[in-house]
Amino acid sequence: ALINADSPFRGDARFCSPPPWPDPLGAVTAQLLDKFGYAASGGNMGFYGNNRVFAEDQVFPLLCELSRLQGEGLPLVAKQMLTVEANAWWGLRGGAAVEVAFVLLGKSTQFEALLPDETMLEIEKGETGSVDRFPNYRTIFQNSDLTALNAGQVNILSALGEFSLLQNEGLLGELLE
């Protein structure tokens, strides 16, 4: 599941604690949480109410692993065995066990350490830099055009994607065997 997160992942060690867990809304994009029954309605233009395919409590081991990866500066790529819930909207009967790799667009300090100084300066400029909101660009109106990204934004995003996949080649390859 490739998730183009619209907001940064905010890892939390409490995701690794026994229940009761903290509310993940606000710390994790609805584009991930909706698969677990959270964020039933999303944003100004989204609707996620029919997307629940896994039980709510199954998200916390995933969020724990993503928090660990983030703390180590690694790309947010984690694999988990999940049980599918029935979902009439998507025609799912439920009950099947599936192995899912989640690739969440997010900050990786290990990737950023490899970037040229001038690129890091642009990232550090924040809103005034040419890669404002990297890596969580808006899907619309990031720039003056409706959906366009500039060459620098596309290049650094594709480099992060490549880095994330190459760093997790073994994990992702296991799913394709």
N, C-alpha and C. Protein backbone atom coordinates (compact mmCIF):
# COMPACT_ATOMS: atom_id res chain seq x y z
N ALA A 1 0.85 -1.16 0.00
CA ALA A 1 0.00 0.00 0.00
C ALA A 1 0.90 1.23 0.00
N LEU A 2 0.95 1.93 -1.11
CA LEU A 2 1.73 3.16 -1.22
C LEU A 2 0.84 4.31 -0.79
N ILE A 3 1.26 5.02 0.24
CA ILE A 3 0.41 6.07 0.80
C ILE A 3 1.10 7.41 0.66
N ASN A 4 0.55 8.26 -0.19
CA ASN A 4 1.04 9.61 -0.39
C ASN A 4 0.45 10.47 0.71
N ALA A 5 1.12 10.46 1.85
CA ALA A 5 0.59 11.13 3.04
C ALA A 5 0.44 12.63 2.80
N ASP A 6 -0.71 13.14 3.13
CA ASP A 6 -0.98 14.58 2.99
C ASP A 6 -0.48 15.38 4.17
N SER A 7 -0.04 14.69 5.21
CA SER A 7 0.47 15.35 6.41
C SER A 7 1.60 14.50 6.98
N PRO A 8 2.53 15.11 7.69
CA PRO A 8 3.66 14.34 8.24
C PRO A 8 3.20 13.32 9.28
N PHE A 9 3.87 12.18 9.29
CA PHE A 9 3.65 11.17 10.33
C PHE A 9 4.30 11.68 11.61
N ARG A 10 3.56 11.63 12.70
CA ARG A 10 4.09 12.04 14.01
C ARG A 10 4.13 10.81 14.90
N GLY A 11 5.27 10.13 14.84
CA GLY A 11 5.45 8.92 15.63
C GLY A 11 5.28 9.19 17.11
N ASP A 12 4.87 8.18 17.83
CA ASP A 12 4.59 8.33 19.26
C ASP A 12 4.90 7.00 19.92
N ALA A 13 5.79 7.01 20.91
CA ALA A 13 6.14 5.77 21.62
C ALA A 13 4.91 5.13 22.26
N ARG A 14 3.89 5.92 22.54
CA ARG A 14 2.68 5.36 23.16
C ARG A 14 1.95 4.41 22.21
N PHE A 15 2.24 4.49 20.90
CA PHE A 15 1.64 3.53 19.97
C PHE A 15 2.16 2.12 20.25
N CYS A 16 3.29 2.01 20.95
CA CYS A 16 3.88 0.72 21.27
C CYS A 16 3.45 0.20 22.63
N SER A 17 2.69 0.97 23.35
CA SER A 17 2.24 0.60 24.70
C SER A 17 1.03 -0.32 24.63
N PRO A 18 0.73 -1.00 25.73
CA PRO A 18 -0.51 -1.77 25.78
C PRO A 18 -1.71 -0.82 25.78
N PRO A 19 -2.89 -1.33 25.42
CA PRO A 19 -4.09 -0.47 25.44
C PRO A 19 -4.32 0.11 26.83
N PRO A 20 -4.98 1.23 26.94
CA PRO A 20 -5.58 2.01 25.87
C PRO A 20 -4.53 2.83 25.12
N TRP A 21 -4.66 2.85 23.80
CA TRP A 21 -3.74 3.58 22.95
C TRP A 21 -4.21 5.01 22.79
N PRO A 22 -3.28 5.91 22.43
CA PRO A 22 -3.69 7.29 22.16
C PRO A 22 -4.48 7.34 20.85
N ASP A 23 -5.29 8.34 20.71
CA ASP A 23 -6.04 8.55 19.48
C ASP A 23 -5.04 8.91 18.37
N PRO A 24 -4.99 8.14 17.28
CA PRO A 24 -4.00 8.43 16.24
C PRO A 24 -4.38 9.59 15.32
N LEU A 25 -5.63 10.04 15.38
CA LEU A 25 -6.05 11.14 14.50
C LEU A 25 -5.22 12.38 14.79
N GLY A 26 -4.74 13.01 13.77
CA GLY A 26 -3.89 14.18 13.91
C GLY A 26 -2.41 13.84 13.89
N ALA A 27 -2.07 12.62 14.27
CA ALA A 27 -0.67 12.18 14.24
C ALA A 27 -0.37 11.36 12.99
N VAL A 28 -1.42 10.82 12.39
CA VAL A 28 -1.27 9.91 11.25
C VAL A 28 -2.29 10.32 10.19
N THR A 29 -1.86 10.29 8.94
CA THR A 29 -2.74 10.67 7.85
C THR A 29 -4.00 9.80 7.77
N ALA A 30 -5.11 10.42 7.45
CA ALA A 30 -6.36 9.69 7.26
C ALA A 30 -6.26 8.71 6.10
N GLN A 31 -5.31 8.94 5.20
CA GLN A 31 -5.12 8.06 4.05
C GLN A 31 -4.59 6.69 4.46
N LEU A 32 -4.09 6.57 5.69
CA LEU A 32 -3.73 5.27 6.26
C LEU A 32 -4.80 4.81 7.25
N LEU A 33 -5.20 5.72 8.13
CA LEU A 33 -6.12 5.34 9.20
C LEU A 33 -7.48 4.87 8.72
N ASP A 34 -7.92 5.35 7.56
CA ASP A 34 -9.24 4.95 7.07
C ASP A 34 -9.31 3.45 6.81
N LYS A 35 -8.19 2.80 6.49
CA LYS A 35 -8.19 1.36 6.25
C LYS A 35 -8.47 0.58 7.53
N PHE A 36 -8.33 1.26 8.68
CA PHE A 36 -8.54 0.64 9.98
C PHE A 36 -9.78 1.20 10.68
N GLY A 37 -10.60 1.94 9.95
CA GLY A 37 -11.85 2.43 10.50
C GLY A 37 -11.78 3.77 11.19
N TYR A 38 -10.62 4.42 11.16
CA TYR A 38 -10.49 5.77 11.71
C TYR A 38 -10.71 6.77 10.60
N ALA A 39 -11.01 7.99 10.96
CA ALA A 39 -11.13 9.09 9.99
C ALA A 39 -12.21 8.79 8.96
N ALA A 40 -13.41 8.53 9.43
CA ALA A 40 -14.51 8.16 8.53
C ALA A 40 -14.83 9.24 7.51
N SER A 41 -14.59 10.47 7.83
CA SER A 41 -14.74 11.52 6.81
C SER A 41 -13.45 12.30 6.82
N GLY A 42 -12.98 12.64 5.64
CA GLY A 42 -11.66 13.24 5.59
C GLY A 42 -11.60 14.55 4.86
N GLY A 43 -10.96 15.51 5.46
CA GLY A 43 -10.60 16.76 4.82
C GLY A 43 -11.74 17.49 4.15
N ASN A 44 -11.34 18.41 3.32
CA ASN A 44 -12.32 19.23 2.61
C ASN A 44 -12.96 18.49 1.45
N MET A 45 -12.26 17.56 0.85
CA MET A 45 -12.76 16.94 -0.37
C MET A 45 -12.81 15.42 -0.31
N GLY A 46 -12.40 14.84 0.80
CA GLY A 46 -12.31 13.39 0.84
C GLY A 46 -13.46 12.74 1.58
N PHE A 47 -13.67 11.49 1.29
CA PHE A 47 -14.63 10.70 2.04
C PHE A 47 -14.04 9.30 2.18
N TYR A 48 -13.78 8.92 3.42
CA TYR A 48 -13.09 7.67 3.67
C TYR A 48 -13.97 6.64 4.37
N GLY A 49 -15.24 6.89 4.52
CA GLY A 49 -16.11 6.06 5.33
C GLY A 49 -16.27 4.63 4.89
N ASN A 50 -16.04 4.33 3.63
CA ASN A 50 -16.21 2.96 3.15
C ASN A 50 -14.90 2.18 3.05
N ASN A 51 -13.83 2.74 3.54
CA ASN A 51 -12.51 2.14 3.30
C ASN A 51 -12.02 1.21 4.39
N ARG A 52 -12.79 1.01 5.44
CA ARG A 52 -12.33 0.12 6.52
C ARG A 52 -12.26 -1.32 6.01
N VAL A 53 -11.06 -1.89 6.12
CA VAL A 53 -10.87 -3.28 5.74
C VAL A 53 -10.14 -4.08 6.82
N PHE A 54 -9.64 -3.39 7.85
CA PHE A 54 -8.95 -4.04 8.97
C PHE A 54 -9.52 -3.50 10.29
N ALA A 55 -9.41 -4.28 11.35
CA ALA A 55 -9.90 -3.87 12.67
C ALA A 55 -9.06 -2.72 13.21
N GLU A 56 -9.70 -1.86 13.98
CA GLU A 56 -9.03 -0.67 14.54
C GLU A 56 -7.78 -1.04 15.32
N ASP A 57 -7.84 -2.09 16.13
CA ASP A 57 -6.69 -2.40 16.98
C ASP A 57 -5.49 -2.94 16.20
N GLN A 58 -5.69 -3.34 14.94
CA GLN A 58 -4.58 -3.83 14.15
C GLN A 58 -3.65 -2.71 13.67
N VAL A 59 -4.09 -1.46 13.78
CA VAL A 59 -3.25 -0.36 13.32
C VAL A 59 -2.09 -0.08 14.28
N PHE A 60 -2.23 -0.39 15.57
CA PHE A 60 -1.22 0.04 16.55
C PHE A 60 0.12 -0.67 16.42
N PRO A 61 0.19 -1.96 16.13
CA PRO A 61 1.51 -2.55 15.86
C PRO A 61 2.18 -1.89 14.64
N LEU A 62 1.40 -1.54 13.64
CA LEU A 62 1.94 -0.85 12.47
C LEU A 62 2.46 0.53 12.85
N LEU A 63 1.67 1.29 13.61
CA LEU A 63 2.10 2.62 14.03
C LEU A 63 3.31 2.54 14.94
N CYS A 64 3.41 1.51 15.75
CA CYS A 64 4.58 1.31 16.60
C CYS A 64 5.82 1.12 15.73
N GLU A 65 5.72 0.26 14.73
CA GLU A 65 6.86 0.01 13.84
C GLU A 65 7.23 1.26 13.06
N LEU A 66 6.24 1.98 12.56
CA LEU A 66 6.53 3.22 11.83
C LEU A 66 7.19 4.25 12.75
N SER A 67 6.77 4.31 14.00
CA SER A 67 7.38 5.22 14.98
C SER A 67 8.84 4.85 15.21
N ARG A 68 9.11 3.56 15.32
CA ARG A 68 10.49 3.09 15.51
C ARG A 68 11.35 3.48 14.31
N LEU A 69 10.85 3.22 13.11
CA LEU A 69 11.59 3.56 11.90
C LEU A 69 11.87 5.05 11.82
N GLN A 70 10.85 5.85 12.13
CA GLN A 70 11.02 7.29 12.09
C GLN A 70 12.09 7.74 13.09
N GLY A 71 12.07 7.16 14.27
CA GLY A 71 13.05 7.49 15.29
C GLY A 71 14.48 7.18 14.87
N GLU A 72 14.63 6.18 14.00
CA GLU A 72 15.95 5.79 13.49
C GLU A 72 16.30 6.52 12.20
N GLY A 73 15.39 7.39 11.73
CA GLY A 73 15.64 8.14 10.51
C GLY A 73 15.46 7.35 9.23
N LEU A 74 14.83 6.20 9.34
CA LEU A 74 14.64 5.31 8.19
C LEU A 74 13.37 5.64 7.43
N PRO A 75 13.28 5.19 6.18
CA PRO A 75 12.02 5.35 5.44
C PRO A 75 10.90 4.60 6.14
N LEU A 76 9.69 5.10 5.99
CA LEU A 76 8.52 4.53 6.66
C LEU A 76 7.93 3.40 5.82
N VAL A 77 8.56 2.24 5.91
CA VAL A 77 8.14 1.05 5.18
C VAL A 77 8.05 -0.09 6.18
N ALA A 78 6.87 -0.65 6.33
CA ALA A 78 6.66 -1.72 7.31
C ALA A 78 5.70 -2.76 6.74
N LYS A 79 5.95 -4.01 7.09
CA LYS A 79 5.12 -5.12 6.63
C LYS A 79 4.38 -5.69 7.82
N GLN A 80 3.12 -6.06 7.58
CA GLN A 80 2.30 -6.58 8.67
C GLN A 80 1.32 -7.61 8.13
N MET A 81 1.07 -8.65 8.93
CA MET A 81 0.05 -9.65 8.63
C MET A 81 -1.25 -9.15 9.27
N LEU A 82 -2.30 -9.02 8.46
CA LEU A 82 -3.57 -8.47 8.93
C LEU A 82 -4.72 -9.39 8.54
N THR A 83 -5.80 -9.31 9.29
CA THR A 83 -7.01 -10.05 8.95
C THR A 83 -8.00 -9.08 8.32
N VAL A 84 -8.49 -9.45 7.15
CA VAL A 84 -9.44 -8.62 6.41
C VAL A 84 -10.81 -8.72 7.05
N GLU A 85 -11.45 -7.57 7.22
CA GLU A 85 -12.83 -7.54 7.71
C GLU A 85 -13.80 -7.47 6.53
N ALA A 86 -15.01 -7.91 6.75
CA ALA A 86 -16.03 -7.83 5.70
C ALA A 86 -16.29 -6.35 5.37
N ASN A 87 -16.44 -6.08 4.09
CA ASN A 87 -16.72 -4.72 3.63
C ASN A 87 -17.59 -4.84 2.38
N ALA A 88 -18.88 -4.64 2.54
CA ALA A 88 -19.82 -4.79 1.42
C ALA A 88 -19.53 -3.79 0.31
N TRP A 89 -19.11 -2.58 0.67
CA TRP A 89 -18.83 -1.55 -0.33
C TRP A 89 -17.79 -2.03 -1.34
N TRP A 90 -16.71 -2.67 -0.84
CA TRP A 90 -15.63 -3.14 -1.69
C TRP A 90 -15.79 -4.62 -2.06
N GLY A 91 -16.87 -5.26 -1.61
CA GLY A 91 -17.11 -6.65 -1.96
C GLY A 91 -16.19 -7.64 -1.26
N LEU A 92 -15.77 -7.31 -0.05
CA LEU A 92 -14.87 -8.20 0.70
C LEU A 92 -15.67 -9.03 1.69
N ARG A 93 -15.44 -10.33 1.67
CA ARG A 93 -16.14 -11.22 2.60
C ARG A 93 -15.52 -11.18 3.98
N GLY A 94 -14.24 -10.96 4.06
CA GLY A 94 -13.55 -10.91 5.35
C GLY A 94 -13.05 -12.27 5.77
N GLY A 95 -12.18 -12.24 6.77
CA GLY A 95 -11.64 -13.46 7.33
C GLY A 95 -10.29 -13.87 6.78
N ALA A 96 -9.91 -13.37 5.62
CA ALA A 96 -8.63 -13.75 5.02
C ALA A 96 -7.48 -13.06 5.73
N ALA A 97 -6.38 -13.77 5.86
CA ALA A 97 -5.15 -13.18 6.39
C ALA A 97 -4.32 -12.71 5.19
N VAL A 98 -3.89 -11.47 5.23
CA VAL A 98 -3.09 -10.91 4.14
C VAL A 98 -1.84 -10.25 4.71
N GLU A 99 -0.77 -10.35 3.95
CA GLU A 99 0.46 -9.67 4.32
C GLU A 99 0.53 -8.39 3.49
N VAL A 100 0.66 -7.27 4.17
CA VAL A 100 0.63 -5.97 3.49
C VAL A 100 1.90 -5.21 3.84
N ALA A 101 2.53 -4.65 2.82
CA ALA A 101 3.64 -3.72 3.05
C ALA A 101 3.08 -2.31 2.90
N PHE A 102 3.27 -1.52 3.91
CA PHE A 102 2.83 -0.13 3.90
C PHE A 102 4.05 0.75 3.63
N VAL A 103 3.97 1.56 2.60
CA VAL A 103 5.03 2.50 2.26
C VAL A 103 4.42 3.89 2.42
N LEU A 104 4.78 4.54 3.51
CA LEU A 104 4.19 5.82 3.87
C LEU A 104 5.18 6.94 3.53
N LEU A 105 4.73 7.90 2.77
CA LEU A 105 5.58 9.02 2.42
C LEU A 105 5.88 9.82 3.68
N GLY A 106 7.14 9.92 4.02
CA GLY A 106 7.52 10.62 5.24
C GLY A 106 8.98 10.98 5.28
N LYS A 107 9.32 11.79 6.23
CA LYS A 107 10.68 12.28 6.42
C LYS A 107 11.61 11.12 6.77
N SER A 108 12.81 11.13 6.18
CA SER A 108 13.85 10.17 6.50
C SER A 108 15.15 10.95 6.68
N THR A 109 15.62 11.04 7.92
CA THR A 109 16.85 11.79 8.15
C THR A 109 18.05 11.09 7.53
N GLN A 110 18.00 9.76 7.37
CA GLN A 110 19.10 9.07 6.70
C GLN A 110 19.16 9.47 5.22
N PHE A 111 18.02 9.63 4.59
CA PHE A 111 17.98 10.10 3.21
C PHE A 111 18.49 11.54 3.13
N GLU A 112 17.99 12.38 4.02
CA GLU A 112 18.36 13.80 3.98
C GLU A 112 19.85 14.00 4.22
N ALA A 113 20.48 13.10 4.98
CA ALA A 113 21.92 13.20 5.22
C ALA A 113 22.73 12.99 3.95
N LEU A 114 22.13 12.38 2.96
CA LEU A 114 22.82 12.12 1.69
C LEU A 114 22.65 13.26 0.68
N LEU A 115 21.79 14.20 0.98
CA LEU A 115 21.49 15.28 0.04
C LEU A 115 22.60 16.32 0.00
N PRO A 116 22.74 16.97 -1.16
CA PRO A 116 23.70 18.08 -1.24
C PRO A 116 23.29 19.22 -0.30
N ASP A 117 24.27 19.99 0.13
CA ASP A 117 24.01 21.10 1.06
C ASP A 117 22.96 22.07 0.54
N GLU A 118 23.01 22.38 -0.75
CA GLU A 118 22.05 23.36 -1.28
C GLU A 118 20.62 22.83 -1.23
N THR A 119 20.46 21.53 -1.39
CA THR A 119 19.12 20.93 -1.29
C THR A 119 18.63 20.99 0.16
N MET A 120 19.50 20.67 1.10
CA MET A 120 19.12 20.75 2.51
C MET A 120 18.76 22.18 2.90
N LEU A 121 19.46 23.15 2.35
CA LEU A 121 19.13 24.55 2.64
C LEU A 121 17.72 24.88 2.17
N GLU A 122 17.33 24.35 1.01
CA GLU A 122 15.97 24.57 0.50
C GLU A 122 14.93 23.93 1.41
N ILE A 123 15.21 22.73 1.91
CA ILE A 123 14.29 22.06 2.83
C ILE A 123 14.17 22.87 4.12
N GLU A 124 15.30 23.33 4.64
CA GLU A 124 15.31 24.07 5.90
C GLU A 124 14.63 25.43 5.80
N LYS A 125 14.49 25.97 4.59
CA LYS A 125 13.80 27.25 4.41
C LYS A 125 12.31 27.13 4.68
N GLY A 126 11.79 25.92 4.68
CA GLY A 126 10.36 25.74 4.94
C GLY A 126 9.50 26.38 3.87
N GLU A 127 8.54 27.18 4.28
CA GLU A 127 7.57 27.79 3.35
C GLU A 127 8.20 28.67 2.29
N THR A 128 9.37 29.20 2.54
CA THR A 128 10.00 30.08 1.55
C THR A 128 10.92 29.33 0.61
N GLY A 129 11.14 28.05 0.86
CA GLY A 129 12.02 27.25 0.01
C GLY A 129 11.30 26.70 -1.21
N SER A 130 12.09 26.23 -2.16
CA SER A 130 11.53 25.70 -3.42
C SER A 130 10.91 24.32 -3.25
N VAL A 131 11.15 23.67 -2.11
CA VAL A 131 10.56 22.35 -1.86
C VAL A 131 9.69 22.39 -0.60
N ASP A 132 8.98 23.48 -0.44
CA ASP A 132 8.08 23.68 0.70
C ASP A 132 7.20 22.45 0.93
N ARG A 133 7.10 22.01 2.16
CA ARG A 133 6.28 20.87 2.61
C ARG A 133 6.89 19.51 2.26
N PHE A 134 8.11 19.46 1.74
CA PHE A 134 8.72 18.18 1.41
C PHE A 134 8.78 17.30 2.66
N PRO A 135 8.42 16.03 2.56
CA PRO A 135 7.96 15.30 1.38
C PRO A 135 6.44 15.25 1.25
N ASN A 136 5.73 15.96 2.10
CA ASN A 136 4.27 15.88 2.11
C ASN A 136 3.64 17.03 1.34
N TYR A 137 3.89 17.04 0.03
CA TYR A 137 3.34 18.09 -0.81
C TYR A 137 1.82 17.99 -0.86
N ARG A 138 1.20 19.11 -1.11
CA ARG A 138 -0.26 19.12 -1.33
C ARG A 138 -0.53 18.44 -2.68
N THR A 139 -1.65 17.75 -2.78
CA THR A 139 -2.00 17.13 -4.06
C THR A 139 -2.61 18.14 -5.02
N ILE A 140 -3.13 19.23 -4.48
CA ILE A 140 -3.59 20.33 -5.33
C ILE A 140 -3.08 21.64 -4.74
N PHE A 141 -2.77 22.56 -5.62
CA PHE A 141 -2.31 23.90 -5.25
C PHE A 141 -1.06 23.92 -4.37
N GLN A 142 -0.16 22.97 -4.60
CA GLN A 142 1.15 23.05 -3.96
C GLN A 142 1.87 24.29 -4.50
N ASN A 143 1.70 24.50 -5.79
CA ASN A 143 2.25 25.66 -6.48
C ASN A 143 1.07 26.40 -7.11
N SER A 144 1.35 27.31 -7.98
CA SER A 144 0.27 28.13 -8.55
C SER A 144 -0.64 27.35 -9.49
N ASP A 145 -0.16 26.29 -10.09
CA ASP A 145 -0.97 25.46 -10.98
C ASP A 145 -1.75 24.45 -10.13
N LEU A 146 -2.85 23.95 -10.66
CA LEU A 146 -3.73 23.07 -9.89
C LEU A 146 -3.00 21.87 -9.30
N THR A 147 -2.29 21.12 -10.14
CA THR A 147 -1.65 19.89 -9.64
C THR A 147 -0.16 19.82 -9.91
N ALA A 148 0.43 20.84 -10.48
CA ALA A 148 1.83 20.77 -10.90
C ALA A 148 2.80 20.90 -9.72
N LEU A 149 3.87 20.13 -9.81
CA LEU A 149 5.02 20.29 -8.93
C LEU A 149 6.16 20.81 -9.81
N ASN A 150 7.10 21.54 -9.21
CA ASN A 150 8.23 22.01 -10.00
C ASN A 150 9.27 20.89 -10.12
N ALA A 151 10.25 21.09 -10.98
CA ALA A 151 11.25 20.04 -11.25
C ALA A 151 11.99 19.64 -9.97
N GLY A 152 12.35 20.60 -9.14
CA GLY A 152 13.05 20.27 -7.90
C GLY A 152 12.20 19.43 -6.96
N GLN A 153 10.91 19.74 -6.87
CA GLN A 153 10.01 18.97 -6.02
C GLN A 153 9.88 17.53 -6.52
N VAL A 154 9.73 17.38 -7.84
CA VAL A 154 9.60 16.05 -8.43
C VAL A 154 10.88 15.26 -8.24
N ASN A 155 12.02 15.90 -8.47
CA ASN A 155 13.30 15.19 -8.37
C ASN A 155 13.59 14.71 -6.96
N ILE A 156 13.38 15.56 -5.97
CA ILE A 156 13.68 15.13 -4.60
C ILE A 156 12.68 14.09 -4.12
N LEU A 157 11.43 14.20 -4.55
CA LEU A 157 10.42 13.21 -4.18
C LEU A 157 10.74 11.85 -4.82
N SER A 158 11.14 11.85 -6.07
CA SER A 158 11.49 10.59 -6.73
C SER A 158 12.75 9.99 -6.11
N ALA A 159 13.70 10.83 -5.70
CA ALA A 159 14.90 10.32 -5.04
C ALA A 159 14.55 9.69 -3.69
N LEU A 160 13.66 10.32 -2.93
CA LEU A 160 13.21 9.73 -1.66
C LEU A 160 12.50 8.40 -1.92
N GLY A 161 11.65 8.35 -2.94
CA GLY A 161 10.96 7.10 -3.27
C GLY A 161 11.94 5.99 -3.62
N GLU A 162 12.92 6.32 -4.44
CA GLU A 162 13.94 5.33 -4.81
C GLU A 162 14.71 4.86 -3.57
N PHE A 163 15.14 5.80 -2.74
CA PHE A 163 15.87 5.47 -1.53
C PHE A 163 15.03 4.55 -0.63
N SER A 164 13.77 4.89 -0.45
CA SER A 164 12.89 4.10 0.41
C SER A 164 12.75 2.67 -0.09
N LEU A 165 12.56 2.52 -1.39
CA LEU A 165 12.38 1.18 -1.95
C LEU A 165 13.67 0.38 -1.91
N LEU A 166 14.80 1.02 -2.24
CA LEU A 166 16.07 0.31 -2.22
C LEU A 166 16.47 -0.10 -0.80
N GLN A 167 16.19 0.75 0.18
CA GLN A 167 16.49 0.42 1.57
C GLN A 167 15.65 -0.74 2.08
N ASN A 168 14.54 -1.01 1.41
CA ASN A 168 13.61 -2.06 1.83
C ASN A 168 13.42 -3.12 0.76
N GLU A 169 14.43 -3.28 -0.07
CA GLU A 169 14.36 -4.24 -1.17
C GLU A 169 14.04 -5.65 -0.68
N GLY A 170 14.67 -6.08 0.39
CA GLY A 170 14.42 -7.43 0.91
C GLY A 170 13.00 -7.61 1.41
N LEU A 171 12.53 -6.65 2.20
CA LEU A 171 11.18 -6.70 2.74
C LEU A 171 10.15 -6.72 1.62
N LEU A 172 10.31 -5.87 0.64
CA LEU A 172 9.35 -5.80 -0.46
C LEU A 172 9.46 -7.00 -1.38
N GLY A 173 10.68 -7.49 -1.56
CA GLY A 173 10.88 -8.67 -2.41
C GLY A 173 10.20 -9.91 -1.85
N GLU A 174 10.15 -10.03 -0.52
CA GLU A 174 9.48 -11.17 0.11
C GLU A 174 8.01 -11.25 -0.30
N LEU A 175 7.39 -10.12 -0.52
CA LEU A 175 5.97 -10.10 -0.89
C LEU A 175 5.76 -10.61 -2.32
N LEU A 176 6.78 -10.51 -3.13
CA LEU A 176 6.65 -10.87 -4.54
C LEU A 176 7.09 -12.29 -4.83
N GLU A 177 7.59 -12.99 -3.84
CA GLU A 177 8.04 -14.38 -4.04
C GLU A 177 6.89 -15.32 -4.16
